[in-house]
Amino acid sequence: MQLSEIKSELKDFFEKEFPNSGTILSDSTNLLDDWFIDSFGIVSTVLFLEQKFGIEISRADINATTFSSIETLSQHVSDQLKSIS
């Protein structure tokens, strides 16, 4: 799966699950500070990633760096997909 497809899937997910009418969601929008993804949102995102992409997110993967933006999160997903193929 291409990185652009992963980004698109993530953007659609965040806009549907956590709508934020005051902010435009871009690849670099800070999900934790500007999109207000909270701990429940992180759990929902992990479940989405595992189901949608067939990857496993470990505790070590759940951090502010990985979850900071669509860009960083999609790169992590892409790396995980490469390691299982």
Protein backbone atom coordinates (compact mmCIF):
# COMPACT_ATOMS: atom_id res chain seq x y z
CA MET A 1 0.00 0.00 0.00
CA GLN A 2 1.31 3.42 -0.96
CA LEU A 3 2.04 6.05 1.68
CA SER A 4 -0.49 8.39 0.06
CA GLU A 5 -3.23 5.74 0.46
CA ILE A 6 -2.38 5.29 4.13
CA LYS A 7 -2.53 9.07 4.66
CA SER A 8 -5.90 9.24 2.94
CA GLU A 9 -7.31 6.41 5.07
CA LEU A 10 -6.05 8.08 8.24
CA LYS A 11 -7.41 11.49 7.28
CA ASP A 12 -10.84 10.01 6.52
CA PHE A 13 -10.79 8.15 9.84
CA PHE A 14 -9.88 11.21 11.91
CA GLU A 15 -12.37 13.48 10.16
CA LYS A 16 -15.22 10.98 10.69
CA GLU A 17 -14.36 9.77 14.19
CA PHE A 18 -13.07 13.01 15.70
CA PRO A 19 -14.57 15.93 13.78
CA ASN A 20 -12.98 19.29 14.56
CA SER A 21 -14.72 22.07 12.71
CA GLY A 22 -12.25 24.71 13.90
CA THR A 23 -9.17 23.17 12.29
CA ILE A 24 -8.33 21.96 8.80
CA LEU A 25 -6.70 18.55 8.98
CA SER A 26 -3.50 18.27 6.95
CA ASP A 27 -0.70 15.73 6.94
CA SER A 28 1.24 17.89 9.40
CA THR A 29 -1.57 18.91 11.77
CA ASN A 30 -0.56 18.04 15.32
CA LEU A 31 -3.13 15.41 16.27
CA LEU A 32 -2.52 15.67 20.00
CA ASP A 33 -2.39 19.45 20.34
CA ASP A 34 -4.41 20.84 17.41
CA TRP A 35 -6.84 18.03 16.65
CA PHE A 36 -7.33 17.14 20.32
CA ILE A 37 -6.97 13.39 20.07
CA ASP A 38 -7.19 12.19 23.68
CA SER A 39 -6.41 8.82 25.29
CA PHE A 40 -9.71 7.35 24.10
CA GLY A 41 -8.93 8.59 20.60
CA ILE A 42 -5.52 6.94 20.71
CA VAL A 43 -7.10 3.62 21.70
CA SER A 44 -9.65 3.97 18.88
CA THR A 45 -6.88 4.83 16.43
CA VAL A 46 -4.81 1.81 17.48
CA LEU A 47 -7.81 -0.47 16.97
CA PHE A 48 -8.49 1.10 13.57
CA LEU A 49 -4.85 0.68 12.47
CA GLU A 50 -4.71 -2.94 13.56
CA GLN A 51 -8.00 -3.82 11.86
CA LYS A 52 -7.57 -1.75 8.70
CA PHE A 53 -3.94 -2.51 7.96
CA GLY A 54 -3.45 -5.86 9.71
CA ILE A 55 -0.54 -4.60 11.80
CA GLU A 56 0.17 -4.81 15.51
CA ILE A 57 0.79 -1.64 17.47
CA SER A 58 2.93 -2.26 20.55
CA ARG A 59 2.95 -0.18 23.71
CA ALA A 60 6.31 1.24 22.67
CA ASP A 61 4.73 2.50 19.43
CA ILE A 62 2.15 4.56 21.32
CA ASN A 63 3.97 7.80 21.91
CA ALA A 64 3.78 11.49 21.09
CA THR A 65 6.26 11.17 18.24
CA THR A 66 4.44 8.40 16.36
CA PHE A 67 1.00 9.91 16.97
CA SER A 68 1.98 13.53 16.39
CA SER A 69 0.55 13.82 12.84
CA ILE A 70 -0.88 11.92 9.92
CA GLU A 71 2.59 12.13 8.36
CA THR A 72 4.34 10.40 11.28
CA LEU A 73 1.58 7.90 11.87
CA SER A 74 1.30 6.90 8.22
CA GLN A 75 5.08 6.46 8.02
CA HIS A 76 4.90 4.16 11.03
CA VAL A 77 2.11 2.14 9.40
CA SER A 78 4.10 1.94 6.16
CA ASP A 79 7.18 0.71 8.04
CA GLN A 80 5.09 -1.91 9.83
CA LEU A 81 3.57 -3.10 6.54
CA LYS A 82 7.04 -3.43 4.99
CA SER A 83 8.25 -5.52 7.92
CA ILE A 84 5.41 -8.05 7.60
CA SER A 85 5.58 -8.46 3.83
